[in-house]
Amino acid sequence: MSEKTLSDIQREVDEYISQFKEGYFSPLALMARMSEEVGELAREVNHFYGEKPKKADEADNSVEMELGDILFILSCFANSLNIDLTEAHNKVMHKFATRDANRWTKKITEQ
């Protein structure tokens, strides 16, 4: 499978959601769904990297699947508000490159 851009992902999610009469959930409902998915990611990270093993009857989820769920909900959220995630990403990276340019200790690279 070829690599997808954020625009490709947003378009694919929109094509999927557009086939249903209900369309996108409200921003408040999407925020609740996002929080729910982040909680599920936290649970998986705790099972995999933490001290809390899964119960025998717990679903066989993964960090990868939970991140995928978050990306889907994030795309729904952005699409519902007409936000281009690529543009949002570019703005955030500019912020980090300027405001936080000297916040962290950079690695020394050999020339």
C-alpha atoms as a PDB file:
ATOM      1  CA  MET A   1       0.000   0.000   0.000  1.00  0.00           C
ATOM      2  CA  SER A   2       1.356   3.427  -0.898  1.00  0.00           C
ATOM      3  CA  GLU A   3       1.893   6.158   1.663  1.00  0.00           C
ATOM      4  CA  LYS A   4      -1.001   8.500   2.329  1.00  0.00           C
ATOM      5  CA  THR A   5      -0.814  12.191   3.059  1.00  0.00           C
ATOM      6  CA  LEU A   6      -2.914  13.807   5.756  1.00  0.00           C
ATOM      7  CA  SER A   7      -5.063  15.192   2.935  1.00  0.00           C
ATOM      8  CA  ASP A   8      -5.532  11.659   1.580  1.00  0.00           C
ATOM      9  CA  ILE A   9      -6.569  10.455   5.024  1.00  0.00           C
ATOM     10  CA  GLN A  10      -9.000  13.328   5.531  1.00  0.00           C
ATOM     11  CA  ARG A  11     -10.509  12.707   2.089  1.00  0.00           C
ATOM     12  CA  GLU A  12     -10.832   8.959   2.729  1.00  0.00           C
ATOM     13  CA  VAL A  13     -12.537   9.566   6.073  1.00  0.00           C
ATOM     14  CA  ASP A  14     -14.868  12.121   4.460  1.00  0.00           C
ATOM     15  CA  GLU A  15     -15.816   9.658   1.717  1.00  0.00           C
ATOM     16  CA  TYR A  16     -16.599   7.063   4.384  1.00  0.00           C
ATOM     17  CA  ILE A  17     -18.649   9.413   6.598  1.00  0.00           C
ATOM     18  CA  SER A  18     -20.460  10.990   3.620  1.00  0.00           C
ATOM     19  CA  GLN A  19     -22.215   7.723   2.829  1.00  0.00           C
ATOM     20  CA  PHE A  20     -24.281   8.001   6.025  1.00  0.00           C
ATOM     21  CA  LYS A  21     -27.259  10.331   6.538  1.00  0.00           C
ATOM     22  CA  GLU A  22     -26.054  11.160  10.055  1.00  0.00           C
ATOM     23  CA  GLY A  23     -22.785  12.646   8.804  1.00  0.00           C
ATOM     24  CA  TYR A  24     -20.266  13.915  11.323  1.00  0.00           C
ATOM     25  CA  PHE A  25     -21.056  14.075  15.028  1.00  0.00           C
ATOM     26  CA  SER A  26     -21.122  17.463  16.744  1.00  0.00           C
ATOM     27  CA  PRO A  27     -17.815  18.930  17.964  1.00  0.00           C
ATOM     28  CA  LEU A  28     -18.791  18.122  21.554  1.00  0.00           C
ATOM     29  CA  ALA A  29     -19.575  14.490  20.688  1.00  0.00           C
ATOM     30  CA  LEU A  30     -16.306  14.229  18.729  1.00  0.00           C
ATOM     31  CA  MET A  31     -14.399  15.639  21.712  1.00  0.00           C
ATOM     32  CA  ALA A  32     -15.980  12.981  23.916  1.00  0.00           C
ATOM     33  CA  ARG A  33     -15.083  10.272  21.369  1.00  0.00           C
ATOM     34  CA  MET A  34     -11.512  11.586  21.177  1.00  0.00           C
ATOM     35  CA  SER A  35     -11.217  11.476  24.970  1.00  0.00           C
ATOM     36  CA  GLU A  36     -12.572   7.941  24.982  1.00  0.00           C
ATOM     37  CA  GLU A  37     -10.053   6.815  22.363  1.00  0.00           C
ATOM     38  CA  VAL A  38      -7.149   8.489  24.177  1.00  0.00           C
ATOM     39  CA  GLY A  39      -8.232   6.619  27.315  1.00  0.00           C
ATOM     40  CA  GLU A  40      -8.164   3.341  25.383  1.00  0.00           C
ATOM     41  CA  LEU A  41      -4.671   4.204  24.131  1.00  0.00           C
ATOM     42  CA  ALA A  42      -3.564   4.919  27.704  1.00  0.00           C
ATOM     43  CA  ARG A  43      -4.885   1.529  28.778  1.00  0.00           C
ATOM     44  CA  GLU A  44      -2.969  -0.250  26.003  1.00  0.00           C
ATOM     45  CA  VAL A  45       0.248   1.645  26.791  1.00  0.00           C
ATOM     46  CA  ASN A  46      -0.175   0.759  30.460  1.00  0.00           C
ATOM     47  CA  HIS A  47      -0.613  -2.923  29.565  1.00  0.00           C
ATOM     48  CA  PHE A  48       2.320  -3.016  27.181  1.00  0.00           C
ATOM     49  CA  TYR A  49       4.810  -0.726  28.942  1.00  0.00           C
ATOM     50  CA  GLY A  50       3.435  -0.445  32.446  1.00  0.00           C
ATOM     51  CA  GLU A  51       2.877  -2.674  35.402  1.00  0.00           C
ATOM     52  CA  LYS A  52      -0.766  -3.562  34.702  1.00  0.00           C
ATOM     53  CA  PRO A  53      -1.139  -6.833  32.787  1.00  0.00           C
ATOM     54  CA  LYS A  54      -4.303  -7.490  30.795  1.00  0.00           C
ATOM     55  CA  LYS A  55      -7.030  -9.626  32.271  1.00  0.00           C
ATOM     56  CA  ALA A  56      -7.555 -12.946  30.522  1.00  0.00           C
ATOM     57  CA  ASP A  57     -10.933 -11.835  29.129  1.00  0.00           C
ATOM     58  CA  GLU A  58      -9.784  -8.401  27.854  1.00  0.00           C
ATOM     59  CA  ALA A  59      -9.917  -7.610  24.145  1.00  0.00           C
ATOM     60  CA  ASP A  60      -6.732  -8.060  22.154  1.00  0.00           C
ATOM     61  CA  ASN A  61      -6.227  -4.409  21.156  1.00  0.00           C
ATOM     62  CA  SER A  62      -2.915  -2.783  20.371  1.00  0.00           C
ATOM     63  CA  VAL A  63      -1.231   0.600  20.624  1.00  0.00           C
ATOM     64  CA  GLU A  64      -1.216   0.660  16.811  1.00  0.00           C
ATOM     65  CA  MET A  65      -4.996   0.151  16.557  1.00  0.00           C
ATOM     66  CA  GLU A  66      -5.713   2.733  19.248  1.00  0.00           C
ATOM     67  CA  LEU A  67      -3.514   5.293  17.460  1.00  0.00           C
ATOM     68  CA  GLY A  68      -5.411   4.450  14.267  1.00  0.00           C
ATOM     69  CA  ASP A  69      -8.719   5.073  16.058  1.00  0.00           C
ATOM     70  CA  ILE A  70      -7.409   8.437  17.279  1.00  0.00           C
ATOM     71  CA  LEU A  71      -6.294   9.381  13.752  1.00  0.00           C
ATOM     72  CA  PHE A  72      -9.771   8.512  12.436  1.00  0.00           C
ATOM     73  CA  ILE A  73     -11.546  10.586  15.100  1.00  0.00           C
ATOM     74  CA  LEU A  74      -9.042  13.432  14.625  1.00  0.00           C
ATOM     75  CA  SER A  75      -9.803  13.389  10.894  1.00  0.00           C
ATOM     76  CA  CYS A  76     -13.543  13.417  11.597  1.00  0.00           C
ATOM     77  CA  PHE A  77     -13.089  16.333  14.003  1.00  0.00           C
ATOM     78  CA  ALA A  78     -11.005  18.337  11.522  1.00  0.00           C
ATOM     79  CA  ASN A  79     -13.320  17.576   8.601  1.00  0.00           C
ATOM     80  CA  SER A  80     -16.417  18.546  10.562  1.00  0.00           C
ATOM     81  CA  LEU A  81     -14.843  21.952  11.265  1.00  0.00           C
ATOM     82  CA  ASN A  82     -13.308  22.368   7.765  1.00  0.00           C
ATOM     83  CA  ILE A  83      -9.767  22.276   9.165  1.00  0.00           C
ATOM     84  CA  ASP A  84      -6.941  21.131   6.899  1.00  0.00           C
ATOM     85  CA  LEU A  85      -4.716  18.973   9.120  1.00  0.00           C
ATOM     86  CA  THR A  86      -1.689  19.541   6.882  1.00  0.00           C
ATOM     87  CA  GLU A  87      -2.036  23.297   7.307  1.00  0.00           C
ATOM     88  CA  ALA A  88      -2.602  22.874  11.051  1.00  0.00           C
ATOM     89  CA  HIS A  89       0.535  20.717  11.246  1.00  0.00           C
ATOM     90  CA  ASN A  90       2.561  23.300   9.306  1.00  0.00           C
ATOM     91  CA  LYS A  91       1.466  26.056  11.678  1.00  0.00           C
ATOM     92  CA  VAL A  92       2.380  23.990  14.735  1.00  0.00           C
ATOM     93  CA  MET A  93       5.793  23.082  13.310  1.00  0.00           C
ATOM     94  CA  HIS A  94       6.449  26.777  12.601  1.00  0.00           C
ATOM     95  CA  LYS A  95       5.517  27.540  16.218  1.00  0.00           C
ATOM     96  CA  PHE A  96       7.960  24.914  17.494  1.00  0.00           C
ATOM     97  CA  ALA A  97      10.700  26.098  15.133  1.00  0.00           C
ATOM     98  CA  THR A  98      10.368  29.698  16.336  1.00  0.00           C
ATOM     99  CA  ARG A  99       8.951  29.957  19.848  1.00  0.00           C
ATOM    100  CA  ASP A 100      10.575  26.751  21.091  1.00  0.00           C
ATOM    101  CA  ALA A 101      13.714  26.896  18.923  1.00  0.00           C
ATOM    102  CA  ASN A 102      16.064  26.956  21.919  1.00  0.00           C
ATOM    103  CA  ARG A 103      13.912  25.186  24.482  1.00  0.00           C
ATOM    104  CA  TRP A 104      15.590  21.789  24.207  1.00  0.00           C
ATOM    105  CA  THR A 105      19.202  20.689  24.006  1.00  0.00           C
ATOM    106  CA  LYS A 106      20.003  19.893  20.394  1.00  0.00           C
ATOM    107  CA  LYS A 107      22.110  16.930  19.442  1.00  0.00           C
ATOM    108  CA  ILE A 108      25.545  17.749  18.107  1.00  0.00           C
ATOM    109  CA  THR A 109      25.836  16.568  14.524  1.00  0.00           C
ATOM    110  CA  GLU A 110      29.117  15.785  12.888  1.00  0.00           C
ATOM    111  CA  GLN A 111      29.898  17.640   9.672  1.00  0.00           C
END
